[in-house]
PDB file of N, CA and C in Angstrom:
ATOM      1  N   LEU A   1       9.934  15.308 -24.174  1.00  0.00           N
ATOM      2  CA  LEU A   1       9.421  14.351 -25.210  1.00  0.00           C
ATOM      3  C   LEU A   1       7.887  15.422 -26.161  1.00  0.00           C
ATOM      4  N   SER A   2       7.713  15.200 -26.875  1.00  0.00           N
ATOM      5  CA  SER A   2       6.381  15.603 -27.401  1.00  0.00           C
ATOM      6  C   SER A   2       5.196  15.432 -27.000  1.00  0.00           C
ATOM      7  N   SER A   3       5.207  13.909 -26.565  1.00  0.00           N
ATOM      8  CA  SER A   3       4.106  13.350 -26.124  1.00  0.00           C
ATOM      9  C   SER A   3       3.618  13.960 -24.915  1.00  0.00           C
ATOM     10  N   GLY A   4       4.289  14.922 -24.511  1.00  0.00           N
ATOM     11  CA  GLY A   4       4.169  15.198 -22.730  1.00  0.00           C
ATOM     12  C   GLY A   4       4.750  14.374 -21.556  1.00  0.00           C
ATOM     13  N   ILE A   5       4.943  13.210 -21.876  1.00  0.00           N
ATOM     14  CA  ILE A   5       5.123  12.196 -20.709  1.00  0.00           C
ATOM     15  C   ILE A   5       6.988  12.194 -20.387  1.00  0.00           C
ATOM     16  N   ASN A   6       7.652  12.376 -19.191  1.00  0.00           N
ATOM     17  CA  ASN A   6       9.033  12.278 -19.645  1.00  0.00           C
ATOM     18  C   ASN A   6       9.535  10.991 -19.404  1.00  0.00           C
ATOM     19  N   ALA A   7      10.489  10.525 -20.072  1.00  0.00           N
ATOM     20  CA  ALA A   7      11.473   9.209 -20.510  1.00  0.00           C
ATOM     21  C   ALA A   7      11.529   8.914 -19.169  1.00  0.00           C
ATOM     22  N   GLU A   8      11.974   9.656 -18.280  1.00  0.00           N
ATOM     23  CA  GLU A   8      12.164   9.266 -16.665  1.00  0.00           C
ATOM     24  C   GLU A   8      10.925   8.426 -15.713  1.00  0.00           C
ATOM     25  N   TRP A   9      10.067   8.893 -15.778  1.00  0.00           N
ATOM     26  CA  TRP A   9       8.709   9.014 -15.153  1.00  0.00           C
ATOM     27  C   TRP A   9       7.917   7.748 -14.771  1.00  0.00           C
ATOM     28  N   PRO A  10       8.693   6.480 -15.517  1.00  0.00           N
ATOM     29  CA  PRO A  10       7.783   5.532 -14.737  1.00  0.00           C
ATOM     30  C   PRO A  10       9.207   4.699 -13.520  1.00  0.00           C
ATOM     31  N   LEU A  11      10.065   5.423 -14.038  1.00  0.00           N
ATOM     32  CA  LEU A  11      11.604   4.737 -13.376  1.00  0.00           C
ATOM     33  C   LEU A  11      11.590   5.254 -11.727  1.00  0.00           C
ATOM     34  N   ARG A  12      11.711   7.057 -11.886  1.00  0.00           N
ATOM     35  CA  ARG A  12      12.485   7.333 -11.108  1.00  0.00           C
ATOM     36  C   ARG A  12      11.388   7.215  -9.502  1.00  0.00           C
ATOM     37  N   PRO A  13      10.226   7.337  -9.851  1.00  0.00           N
ATOM     38  CA  PRO A  13       9.041   6.765  -8.641  1.00  0.00           C
ATOM     39  C   PRO A  13       9.591   5.227  -8.019  1.00  0.00           C
ATOM     40  N   GLY A  14       9.465   4.544  -8.716  1.00  0.00           N
ATOM     41  CA  GLY A  14      10.051   3.251  -8.638  1.00  0.00           C
ATOM     42  C   GLY A  14      11.312   2.925  -7.781  1.00  0.00           C
ATOM     43  N   ILE A  15      12.208   3.877  -8.402  1.00  0.00           N
ATOM     44  CA  ILE A  15      13.503   3.925  -7.400  1.00  0.00           C
ATOM     45  C   ILE A  15      13.282   4.638  -6.225  1.00  0.00           C
ATOM     46  N   ARG A  16      12.733   5.926  -6.385  1.00  0.00           N
ATOM     47  CA  ARG A  16      12.690   6.290  -4.677  1.00  0.00           C
ATOM     48  C   ARG A  16      12.088   5.840  -3.662  1.00  0.00           C
ATOM     49  N   GLY A  17      11.101   4.929  -3.946  1.00  0.00           N
ATOM     50  CA  GLY A  17      10.097   3.926  -3.138  1.00  0.00           C
ATOM     51  C   GLY A  17      11.253   3.099  -2.644  1.00  0.00           C
ATOM     52  N   MET A  18      12.500   2.644  -3.347  1.00  0.00           N
ATOM     53  CA  MET A  18      13.380   1.158  -2.525  1.00  0.00           C
ATOM     54  C   MET A  18      14.547   2.300  -2.021  1.00  0.00           C
ATOM     55  N   ILE A  19      14.524   3.637  -2.086  1.00  0.00           N
ATOM     56  CA  ILE A  19      15.724   4.305  -1.416  1.00  0.00           C
ATOM     57  C   ILE A  19      15.299   4.939  -0.072  1.00  0.00           C
ATOM     58  N   PRO A  20      15.865   5.261   0.819  1.00  0.00           N
ATOM     59  CA  PRO A  20      15.476   6.137   2.072  1.00  0.00           C
ATOM     60  C   PRO A  20      15.268   7.894   1.464  1.00  0.00           C
ATOM     61  N   HIS A  21      14.506   8.188   1.133  1.00  0.00           N
ATOM     62  CA  HIS A  21      14.520   9.511   0.373  1.00  0.00           C
ATOM     63  C   HIS A  21      13.734  10.280   1.149  1.00  0.00           C
ATOM     64  N   LYS A  22      13.756  10.383   2.100  1.00  0.00           N
ATOM     65  CA  LYS A  22      13.432  11.493   3.369  1.00  0.00           C
ATOM     66  C   LYS A  22      14.461  11.335   4.560  1.00  0.00           C
ATOM     67  N   THR A  23      15.289  10.897   3.947  1.00  0.00           N
ATOM     68  CA  THR A  23      16.830  11.137   5.132  1.00  0.00           C
ATOM     69  C   THR A  23      18.033  12.004   3.352  1.00  0.00           C
ATOM     70  N   LYS A  24      18.787  12.540   4.586  1.00  0.00           N
ATOM     71  CA  LYS A  24      19.670  13.474   3.790  1.00  0.00           C
ATOM     72  C   LYS A  24      20.473  12.539   2.471  1.00  0.00           C
ATOM     73  N   ARG A  25      20.815  11.907   2.951  1.00  0.00           N
ATOM     74  CA  ARG A  25      21.875  10.963   2.284  1.00  0.00           C
ATOM     75  C   ARG A  25      20.814  10.167   1.051  1.00  0.00           C
ATOM     76  N   GLY A  26      19.522   9.984   1.380  1.00  0.00           N
ATOM     77  CA  GLY A  26      18.597   9.197   0.570  1.00  0.00           C
ATOM     78  C   GLY A  26      18.380  10.599  -0.499  1.00  0.00           C
ATOM     79  N   MET A  27      18.230  11.678  -0.098  1.00  0.00           N
ATOM     80  CA  MET A  27      18.352  12.766  -0.871  1.00  0.00           C
ATOM     81  C   MET A  27      18.988  12.833  -1.995  1.00  0.00           C
ATOM     82  N   GLU A  28      19.855  12.978  -1.320  1.00  0.00           N
ATOM     83  CA  GLU A  28      21.648  13.565  -2.218  1.00  0.00           C
ATOM     84  C   GLU A  28      21.310  11.784  -3.670  1.00  0.00           C
ATOM     85  N   ALA A  29      21.520  10.627  -3.065  1.00  0.00           N
ATOM     86  CA  ALA A  29      21.532   9.653  -3.735  1.00  0.00           C
ATOM     87  C   ALA A  29      20.480  10.379  -4.917  1.00  0.00           C
ATOM     88  N   LEU A  30      18.915  10.432  -5.142  1.00  0.00           N
ATOM     89  CA  LEU A  30      18.362  10.600  -5.641  1.00  0.00           C
ATOM     90  C   LEU A  30      18.356  11.672  -6.770  1.00  0.00           C
ATOM     91  N   ASN A  31      18.611  12.730  -5.881  1.00  0.00           N
ATOM     92  CA  ASN A  31      19.693  13.565  -6.833  1.00  0.00           C
ATOM     93  C   ASN A  31      20.452  13.426  -8.169  1.00  0.00           C
ATOM     94  N   ARG A  32      21.166  12.662  -7.469  1.00  0.00           N
ATOM     95  CA  ARG A  32      22.631  12.238  -8.120  1.00  0.00           C
ATOM     96  C   ARG A  32      21.904  10.910  -9.471  1.00  0.00           C
ATOM     97  N   LEU A  33      20.631  10.422  -9.357  1.00  0.00           N
ATOM     98  CA  LEU A  33      20.149   9.761 -10.233  1.00  0.00           C
ATOM     99  C   LEU A  33      19.969  10.392 -11.788  1.00  0.00           C
ATOM    100  N   LYS A  34      20.419   9.539 -13.026  1.00  0.00           N
ATOM    101  CA  LYS A  34      20.000   9.951 -13.931  1.00  0.00           C
ATOM    102  C   LYS A  34      19.435   8.838 -14.395  1.00  0.00           C
ATOM    103  N   VAL A  35      18.913   9.362 -15.712  1.00  0.00           N
ATOM    104  CA  VAL A  35      17.904   8.440 -16.450  1.00  0.00           C
ATOM    105  C   VAL A  35      17.470   9.126 -17.833  1.00  0.00           C
ATOM    106  N   PHE A  36      18.518   8.418 -18.906  1.00  0.00           N
ATOM    107  CA  PHE A  36      17.985   8.619 -20.064  1.00  0.00           C
ATOM    108  C   PHE A  36      16.899   8.133 -21.108  1.00  0.00           C
ATOM    109  N   GLU A  37      16.455   8.709 -21.882  1.00  0.00           N
ATOM    110  CA  GLU A  37      16.143   7.828 -23.114  1.00  0.00           C
ATOM    111  C   GLU A  37      16.727   7.517 -24.343  1.00  0.00           C
ATOM    112  N   GLY A  38      17.050   6.635 -24.714  1.00  0.00           N
ATOM    113  CA  GLY A  38      18.310   5.874 -24.995  1.00  0.00           C
ATOM    114  C   GLY A  38      19.686   6.032 -24.530  1.00  0.00           C
ATOM    115  N   ILE A  39      20.464   6.310 -25.611  1.00  0.00           N
ATOM    116  CA  ILE A  39      21.819   6.658 -24.916  1.00  0.00           C
ATOM    117  C   ILE A  39      22.678   7.619 -25.129  1.00  0.00           C
ATOM    118  N   PRO A  40      22.632   8.749 -24.169  1.00  0.00           N
ATOM    119  CA  PRO A  40      23.002   9.756 -24.746  1.00  0.00           C
ATOM    120  C   PRO A  40      24.652   9.969 -25.494  1.00  0.00           C
ATOM    121  N   PRO A  41      24.933  11.352 -26.088  1.00  0.00           N
ATOM    122  CA  PRO A  41      26.157  11.118 -26.492  1.00  0.00           C
ATOM    123  C   PRO A  41      27.543  10.576 -25.424  1.00  0.00           C
ATOM    124  N   PRO A  42      27.624  10.867 -24.859  1.00  0.00           N
ATOM    125  CA  PRO A  42      28.803  10.808 -24.266  1.00  0.00           C
ATOM    126  C   PRO A  42      29.215   9.048 -23.571  1.00  0.00           C
ATOM    127  N   TYR A  43      27.743   8.516 -23.780  1.00  0.00           N
ATOM    128  CA  TYR A  43      27.893   6.647 -23.172  1.00  0.00           C
ATOM    129  C   TYR A  43      27.710   6.069 -24.415  1.00  0.00           C
ATOM    130  N   ASP A  44      27.047   7.015 -25.267  1.00  0.00           N
ATOM    131  CA  ASP A  44      27.102   6.055 -26.630  1.00  0.00           C
ATOM    132  C   ASP A  44      28.193   5.235 -27.079  1.00  0.00           C
ATOM    133  N   LYS A  45      29.517   5.622 -26.835  1.00  0.00           N
ATOM    134  CA  LYS A  45      30.751   5.487 -27.466  1.00  0.00           C
ATOM    135  C   LYS A  45      31.246   4.442 -26.541  1.00  0.00           C
ATOM    136  N   THR A  46      30.886   4.307 -25.330  1.00  0.00           N
ATOM    137  CA  THR A  46      31.972   3.258 -24.405  1.00  0.00           C
ATOM    138  C   THR A  46      31.199   1.940 -24.651  1.00  0.00           C
ATOM    139  N   LYS A  47      31.998   1.278 -24.049  1.00  0.00           N
ATOM    140  CA  LYS A  47      31.832  -0.334 -24.215  1.00  0.00           C
ATOM    141  C   LYS A  47      30.619  -0.813 -23.280  1.00  0.00           C
ATOM    142  N   ARG A  48      29.838  -1.333 -24.085  1.00  0.00           N
ATOM    143  CA  ARG A  48      28.875  -1.930 -23.553  1.00  0.00           C
ATOM    144  C   ARG A  48      29.549  -3.206 -22.551  1.00  0.00           C
ATOM    145  N   MET A  49      28.541  -3.433 -21.126  1.00  0.00           N
ATOM    146  CA  MET A  49      29.059  -4.767 -20.628  1.00  0.00           C
ATOM    147  C   MET A  49      27.785  -5.343 -20.321  1.00  0.00           C
ATOM    148  N   VAL A  50      27.992  -6.991 -19.991  1.00  0.00           N
ATOM    149  CA  VAL A  50      26.755  -7.421 -19.578  1.00  0.00           C
ATOM    150  C   VAL A  50      27.351  -7.782 -17.943  1.00  0.00           C
ATOM    151  N   VAL A  51      26.081  -7.630 -16.746  1.00  0.00           N
ATOM    152  CA  VAL A  51      26.020  -7.925 -15.589  1.00  0.00           C
ATOM    153  C   VAL A  51      25.476  -9.115 -15.124  1.00  0.00           C
ATOM    154  N   PRO A  52      26.284 -10.220 -15.162  1.00  0.00           N
ATOM    155  CA  PRO A  52      25.444 -11.874 -15.155  1.00  0.00           C
ATOM    156  C   PRO A  52      24.547 -11.350 -13.931  1.00  0.00           C
ATOM    157  N   SER A  53      25.255 -11.034 -12.938  1.00  0.00           N
ATOM    158  CA  SER A  53      24.069 -11.313 -11.557  1.00  0.00           C
ATOM    159  C   SER A  53      23.229 -10.336 -11.917  1.00  0.00           C
ATOM    160  N   ALA A  54      22.741  -9.930 -12.671  1.00  0.00           N
ATOM    161  CA  ALA A  54      21.706  -8.681 -12.780  1.00  0.00           C
ATOM    162  C   ALA A  54      20.316  -9.715 -13.824  1.00  0.00           C
ATOM    163  N   LEU A  55      20.780 -10.794 -14.834  1.00  0.00           N
ATOM    164  CA  LEU A  55      20.216 -10.903 -16.100  1.00  0.00           C
ATOM    165  C   LEU A  55      18.786 -11.765 -15.043  1.00  0.00           C
ATOM    166  N   ARG A  56      18.249 -11.558 -15.940  1.00  0.00           N
ATOM    167  CA  ARG A  56      16.552 -11.972 -15.871  1.00  0.00           C
ATOM    168  C   ARG A  56      16.582 -13.573 -15.619  1.00  0.00           C
ATOM    169  N   VAL A  57      16.547 -14.222 -16.369  1.00  0.00           N
ATOM    170  CA  VAL A  57      17.156 -15.889 -16.629  1.00  0.00           C
ATOM    171  C   VAL A  57      17.775 -15.906 -15.474  1.00  0.00           C
ATOM    172  N   LEU A  58      18.722 -15.194 -14.526  1.00  0.00           N
ATOM    173  CA  LEU A  58      19.330 -15.921 -13.607  1.00  0.00           C
ATOM    174  C   LEU A  58      18.496 -15.207 -12.714  1.00  0.00           C
ATOM    175  N   ARG A  59      18.258 -14.328 -12.192  1.00  0.00           N
ATOM    176  CA  ARG A  59      17.294 -13.715 -11.600  1.00  0.00           C
ATOM    177  C   ARG A  59      16.463 -14.444 -10.723  1.00  0.00           C
ATOM    178  N   LEU A  60      15.442 -14.513 -11.681  1.00  0.00           N
ATOM    179  CA  LEU A  60      13.987 -14.659 -11.755  1.00  0.00           C
ATOM    180  C   LEU A  60      13.836 -16.528 -11.685  1.00  0.00           C
ATOM    181  N   LYS A  61      12.899 -16.655 -10.690  1.00  0.00           N
ATOM    182  CA  LYS A  61      12.663 -18.096 -10.870  1.00  0.00           C
ATOM    183  C   LYS A  61      11.510 -18.881 -12.604  1.00  0.00           C
ATOM    184  N   PRO A  62      11.712 -19.586 -12.591  1.00  0.00           N
ATOM    185  CA  PRO A  62      10.963 -19.498 -13.908  1.00  0.00           C
ATOM    186  C   PRO A  62       9.261 -19.531 -13.822  1.00  0.00           C
ATOM    187  N   GLY A  63       8.672 -18.965 -14.703  1.00  0.00           N
ATOM    188  CA  GLY A  63       7.217 -18.843 -14.564  1.00  0.00           C
ATOM    189  C   GLY A  63       7.033 -17.490 -13.516  1.00  0.00           C
ATOM    190  N   ARG A  64       8.059 -16.532 -13.121  1.00  0.00           N
ATOM    191  CA  ARG A  64       7.500 -15.662 -12.289  1.00  0.00           C
ATOM    192  C   ARG A  64       7.330 -14.446 -13.341  1.00  0.00           C
ATOM    193  N   LYS A  65       6.299 -13.417 -13.074  1.00  0.00           N
ATOM    194  CA  LYS A  65       5.962 -12.353 -13.775  1.00  0.00           C
ATOM    195  C   LYS A  65       6.986 -11.285 -13.876  1.00  0.00           C
ATOM    196  N   TYR A  66       7.109 -10.717 -14.559  1.00  0.00           N
ATOM    197  CA  TYR A  66       8.259  -8.916 -14.725  1.00  0.00           C
ATOM    198  C   TYR A  66       7.307  -8.386 -15.823  1.00  0.00           C
ATOM    199  N   ALA A  67       8.005  -7.008 -15.547  1.00  0.00           N
ATOM    200  CA  ALA A  67       7.557  -5.841 -16.681  1.00  0.00           C
ATOM    201  C   ALA A  67       8.787  -5.648 -16.869  1.00  0.00           C
ATOM    202  N   SER A  68       8.038  -5.044 -18.263  1.00  0.00           N
ATOM    203  CA  SER A  68       9.495  -3.893 -18.859  1.00  0.00           C
ATOM    204  C   SER A  68       9.583  -2.737 -18.806  1.00  0.00           C
ATOM    205  N   ILE A  69       9.928  -1.938 -18.767  1.00  0.00           N
ATOM    206  CA  ILE A  69       9.950  -0.748 -18.888  1.00  0.00           C
ATOM    207  C   ILE A  69       8.926   0.284 -19.891  1.00  0.00           C
ATOM    208  N   GLY A  70       9.990  -0.617 -20.908  1.00  0.00           N
ATOM    209  CA  GLY A  70       9.181   0.168 -22.510  1.00  0.00           C
ATOM    210  C   GLY A  70       8.008  -0.160 -22.813  1.00  0.00           C
ATOM    211  N   ARG A  71       7.096  -1.536 -22.236  1.00  0.00           N
ATOM    212  CA  ARG A  71       5.871  -1.834 -22.127  1.00  0.00           C
ATOM    213  C   ARG A  71       4.703  -1.259 -20.873  1.00  0.00           C
ATOM    214  N   LEU A  72       5.174  -1.036 -20.090  1.00  0.00           N
ATOM    215  CA  LEU A  72       5.037   0.047 -19.493  1.00  0.00           C
ATOM    216  C   LEU A  72       4.710   1.714 -19.298  1.00  0.00           C
ATOM    217  N   SER A  73       5.731   2.140 -20.028  1.00  0.00           N
ATOM    218  CA  SER A  73       5.459   3.421 -20.657  1.00  0.00           C
ATOM    219  C   SER A  73       4.660   3.587 -22.263  1.00  0.00           C
ATOM    220  N   HIS A  74       5.059   2.563 -22.609  1.00  0.00           N
ATOM    221  CA  HIS A  74       3.919   2.436 -23.953  1.00  0.00           C
ATOM    222  C   HIS A  74       2.419   2.095 -23.615  1.00  0.00           C
ATOM    223  N   GLU A  75       2.306   1.754 -22.469  1.00  0.00           N
ATOM    224  CA  GLU A  75       0.771   1.732 -21.950  1.00  0.00           C
ATOM    225  C   GLU A  75       0.289   2.850 -21.239  1.00  0.00           C
ATOM    226  N   VAL A  76       1.057   4.132 -20.946  1.00  0.00           N
ATOM    227  CA  VAL A  76       0.839   4.990 -19.671  1.00  0.00           C
ATOM    228  C   VAL A  76       0.986   6.366 -21.014  1.00  0.00           C
ATOM    229  N   GLY A  77       1.381   5.949 -22.623  1.00  0.00           N
ATOM    230  CA  GLY A  77       0.781   7.179 -23.653  1.00  0.00           C
ATOM    231  C   GLY A  77       2.568   7.662 -24.532  1.00  0.00           C
ATOM    232  N   TRP A  78       3.889   6.427 -23.871  1.00  0.00           N
ATOM    233  CA  TRP A  78       4.918   7.111 -24.484  1.00  0.00           C
ATOM    234  C   TRP A  78       4.799   6.585 -26.353  1.00  0.00           C
ATOM    235  N   LYS A  79       5.248   7.513 -27.099  1.00  0.00           N
ATOM    236  CA  LYS A  79       4.716   6.986 -28.412  1.00  0.00           C
ATOM    237  C   LYS A  79       5.945   6.825 -28.738  1.00  0.00           C
ATOM    238  N   TYR A  80       6.815   6.122 -28.781  1.00  0.00           N
ATOM    239  CA  TYR A  80       8.298   5.974 -29.490  1.00  0.00           C
ATOM    240  C   TYR A  80       8.533   4.225 -29.342  1.00  0.00           C
ATOM    241  N   ARG A  81       7.723   3.367 -28.960  1.00  0.00           N
ATOM    242  CA  ARG A  81       8.166   2.476 -28.573  1.00  0.00           C
ATOM    243  C   ARG A  81       8.677   1.999 -30.127  1.00  0.00           C
ATOM    244  N   ASP A  82       7.701   1.676 -31.088  1.00  0.00           N
ATOM    245  CA  ASP A  82       8.156   1.266 -32.462  1.00  0.00           C
ATOM    246  C   ASP A  82       9.660   1.852 -32.649  1.00  0.00           C
ATOM    247  N   VAL A  83       9.713   3.205 -32.179  1.00  0.00           N
ATOM    248  CA  VAL A  83      10.975   4.078 -33.190  1.00  0.00           C
ATOM    249  C   VAL A  83      12.138   2.905 -32.387  1.00  0.00           C
ATOM    250  N   VAL A  84      12.142   2.608 -30.938  1.00  0.00           N
ATOM    251  CA  VAL A  84      13.414   2.516 -30.284  1.00  0.00           C
ATOM    252  C   VAL A  84      13.237   0.822 -30.880  1.00  0.00           C
ATOM    253  N   GLU A  85      12.288   0.312 -31.159  1.00  0.00           N
ATOM    254  CA  GLU A  85      12.265  -1.354 -31.633  1.00  0.00           C
ATOM    255  C   GLU A  85      12.532  -1.544 -32.993  1.00  0.00           C
ATOM    256  N   LYS A  86      13.097   0.024 -34.142  1.00  0.00           N
ATOM    257  CA  LYS A  86      13.637  -0.213 -35.067  1.00  0.00           C
ATOM    258  C   LYS A  86      14.972  -0.148 -34.738  1.00  0.00           C
ATOM    259  N   LEU A  87      15.117   0.674 -33.784  1.00  0.00           N
ATOM    260  CA  LEU A  87      16.434   1.116 -33.735  1.00  0.00           C
ATOM    261  C   LEU A  87      17.353   0.182 -33.071  1.00  0.00           C
ATOM    262  N   GLU A  88      16.595  -0.455 -32.211  1.00  0.00           N
ATOM    263  CA  GLU A  88      17.222  -1.426 -32.072  1.00  0.00           C
ATOM    264  C   GLU A  88      17.609  -3.045 -32.547  1.00  0.00           C
ATOM    265  N   GLU A  89      16.553  -3.322 -33.537  1.00  0.00           N
ATOM    266  CA  GLU A  89      16.758  -3.922 -34.702  1.00  0.00           C
ATOM    267  C   GLU A  89      18.526  -3.663 -35.040  1.00  0.00           C
ATOM    268  N   LYS A  90      18.060  -2.490 -35.418  1.00  0.00           N
ATOM    269  CA  LYS A  90      19.317  -1.733 -36.904  1.00  0.00           C
ATOM    270  C   LYS A  90      20.771  -2.094 -35.517  1.00  0.00           C
ATOM    271  N   ARG A  91      20.473  -1.829 -34.480  1.00  0.00           N
ATOM    272  CA  ARG A  91      21.799  -2.077 -33.355  1.00  0.00           C
ATOM    273  C   ARG A  91      22.307  -3.509 -33.302  1.00  0.00           C
ATOM    274  N   LYS A  92      21.279  -4.869 -33.276  1.00  0.00           N
ATOM    275  CA  LYS A  92      21.348  -5.655 -33.031  1.00  0.00           C
ATOM    276  C   LYS A  92      22.096  -6.669 -34.432  1.00  0.00           C
ATOM    277  N   GLU A  93      21.779  -5.936 -35.797  1.00  0.00           N
ATOM    278  CA  GLU A  93      22.283  -6.105 -37.214  1.00  0.00           C
ATOM    279  C   GLU A  93      23.744  -5.902 -37.132  1.00  0.00           C
ATOM    280  N   LYS A  94      24.417  -4.823 -36.650  1.00  0.00           N
ATOM    281  CA  LYS A  94      25.551  -3.672 -36.791  1.00  0.00           C
ATOM    282  C   LYS A  94      26.488  -5.043 -35.476  1.00  0.00           C
ATOM    283  N   SER A  95      25.944  -4.991 -34.354  1.00  0.00           N
ATOM    284  CA  SER A  95      26.229  -5.777 -33.445  1.00  0.00           C
ATOM    285  C   SER A  95      27.090  -7.109 -33.856  1.00  0.00           C
ATOM    286  N   ALA A  96      26.023  -7.729 -34.764  1.00  0.00           N
ATOM    287  CA  ALA A  96      26.524  -9.232 -34.896  1.00  0.00           C
ATOM    288  C   ALA A  96      27.115  -8.997 -36.074  1.00  0.00           C
ATOM    289  N   ALA A  97      27.437  -8.048 -37.201  1.00  0.00           N
ATOM    290  CA  ALA A  97      28.102  -7.745 -38.040  1.00  0.00           C
ATOM    291  C   ALA A  97      29.782  -7.507 -37.703  1.00  0.00           C
ATOM    292  N   TYR A  98      29.363  -6.894 -36.187  1.00  0.00           N
ATOM    293  CA  TYR A  98      31.144  -6.267 -35.566  1.00  0.00           C
ATOM    294  C   TYR A  98      31.210  -7.781 -35.390  1.00  0.00           C
ATOM    295  N   PHE A  99      31.005  -8.267 -34.557  1.00  0.00           N
ATOM    296  CA  PHE A  99      30.967  -9.986 -33.896  1.00  0.00           C
ATOM    297  C   PHE A  99      31.610 -10.406 -34.697  1.00  0.00           C
ATOM    298  N   ALA A 100      30.947 -10.824 -36.024  1.00  0.00           N
ATOM    299  CA  ALA A 100      31.628 -11.869 -36.773  1.00  0.00           C
ATOM    300  C   ALA A 100      32.484 -11.726 -37.489  1.00  0.00           C
ATOM    301  N   ALA A 101      33.187 -10.013 -37.839  1.00  0.00           N
ATOM    302  CA  ALA A 101      34.313  -9.672 -38.064  1.00  0.00           C
ATOM    303  C   ALA A 101      34.930  -9.851 -36.983  1.00  0.00           C
ATOM    304  N   LYS A 102      34.813  -9.540 -35.907  1.00  0.00           N
ATOM    305  CA  LYS A 102      36.206  -9.777 -34.784  1.00  0.00           C
ATOM    306  C   LYS A 102      36.054 -10.964 -34.498  1.00  0.00           C
ATOM    307  N   LYS A 103      35.217 -12.006 -34.585  1.00  0.00           N
ATOM    308  CA  LYS A 103      35.701 -13.653 -34.911  1.00  0.00           C
ATOM    309  C   LYS A 103      36.739 -14.122 -35.694  1.00  0.00           C
ATOM    310  N   LYS A 104      36.411 -13.314 -37.154  1.00  0.00           N
ATOM    311  CA  LYS A 104      37.243 -13.882 -38.047  1.00  0.00           C
ATOM    312  C   LYS A 104      38.397 -13.315 -37.952  1.00  0.00           C
ATOM    313  N   LEU A 105      39.149 -12.057 -37.053  1.00  0.00           N
ATOM    314  CA  LEU A 105      39.933 -11.981 -36.555  1.00  0.00           C
ATOM    315  C   LEU A 105      40.810 -12.382 -35.712  1.00  0.00           C
ATOM    316  N   ASP A 106      39.813 -13.059 -34.602  1.00  0.00           N
ATOM    317  CA  ASP A 106      40.693 -13.447 -33.474  1.00  0.00           C
ATOM    318  C   ASP A 106      41.317 -14.941 -34.412  1.00  0.00           C
ATOM    319  N   ALA A 107      40.374 -15.517 -34.814  1.00  0.00           N
ATOM    320  CA  ALA A 107      40.891 -17.042 -35.667  1.00  0.00           C
ATOM    321  C   ALA A 107      42.043 -17.028 -35.827  1.00  0.00           C
ATOM    322  N   LEU A 108      42.330 -15.259 -36.985  1.00  0.00           N
ATOM    323  CA  LEU A 108      43.378 -15.302 -38.169  1.00  0.00           C
ATOM    324  C   LEU A 108      44.557 -15.252 -36.993  1.00  0.00           C
ATOM    325  N   ARG A 109      44.274 -13.957 -35.677  1.00  0.00           N
ATOM    326  CA  ARG A 109      45.288 -13.989 -34.939  1.00  0.00           C
ATOM    327  C   ARG A 109      45.771 -14.537 -34.250  1.00  0.00           C
ATOM    328  N   ALA A 110      44.904 -16.396 -33.737  1.00  0.00           N
ATOM    329  CA  ALA A 110      45.247 -17.047 -33.262  1.00  0.00           C
ATOM    330  C   ALA A 110      46.280 -18.354 -34.074  1.00  0.00           C
ATOM    331  N   LYS A 111      45.662 -18.074 -35.663  1.00  0.00           N
ATOM    332  CA  LYS A 111      46.282 -18.681 -36.334  1.00  0.00           C
ATOM    333  C   LYS A 111      48.024 -18.261 -36.843  1.00  0.00           C
ATOM    334  N   ALA A 112      47.986 -17.325 -36.863  1.00  0.00           N
ATOM    335  CA  ALA A 112      49.376 -16.482 -37.039  1.00  0.00           C
ATOM    336  C   ALA A 112      50.442 -16.861 -35.667  1.00  0.00           C
ATOM    337  N   GLU A 113      49.684 -16.587 -34.478  1.00  0.00           N
ATOM    338  CA  GLU A 113      50.092 -16.615 -33.401  1.00  0.00           C
ATOM    339  C   GLU A 113      50.813 -18.049 -33.598  1.00  0.00           C
ATOM    340  N   ALA A 114      50.195 -19.126 -33.576  1.00  0.00           N
ATOM    341  CA  ALA A 114      50.524 -20.936 -33.481  1.00  0.00           C
ATOM    342  C   ALA A 114      51.492 -20.954 -34.398  1.00  0.00           C
ATOM    343  N   THR A 115      51.280 -20.298 -35.773  1.00  0.00           N
ATOM    344  CA  THR A 115      52.789 -20.130 -36.681  1.00  0.00           C
ATOM    345  C   THR A 115      54.265 -19.516 -36.417  1.00  0.00           C
ATOM    346  N   VAL A 116      53.894 -18.889 -35.694  1.00  0.00           N
ATOM    347  CA  VAL A 116      54.741 -18.113 -35.312  1.00  0.00           C
ATOM    348  C   VAL A 116      55.643 -18.608 -33.857  1.00  0.00           C
TER     349      VAL A 116
END
C-alpha cells in the first residue's frame, strides 16, 4: 500500500496471539495464513457463502461491543476506507439485481415444471 501500512497488519498479530506460534505446528499454521485486502483474482469468481455459525448476530449477546477491521485500520492510518465502501455499495447493487433476476427465473422455472 502507498500509505505504508500493510493490509494484513491488524489481523495477523491478533491471529498470532490465538495460536501456539512458538511451536512448529503453530509456526507452520501462521506461515500458511493468507490475508488479502479485498478479493484477489483467483477468489473473486468463486461463489460466496454465508457461514451461519459465524454471524455476529448469532454469536454475540445483544449490547456486546465489537470492532470491525476496516474501522480499526482506518484509525491507524489506512487510507482506502472510502474506496472500499463505494466498491461495497456497487457490489451490493449488482448482487441485488442478480438476485432479483435469479428469483424471476426460479419462479418461471417452477411455473414451467408445474405445467409439465
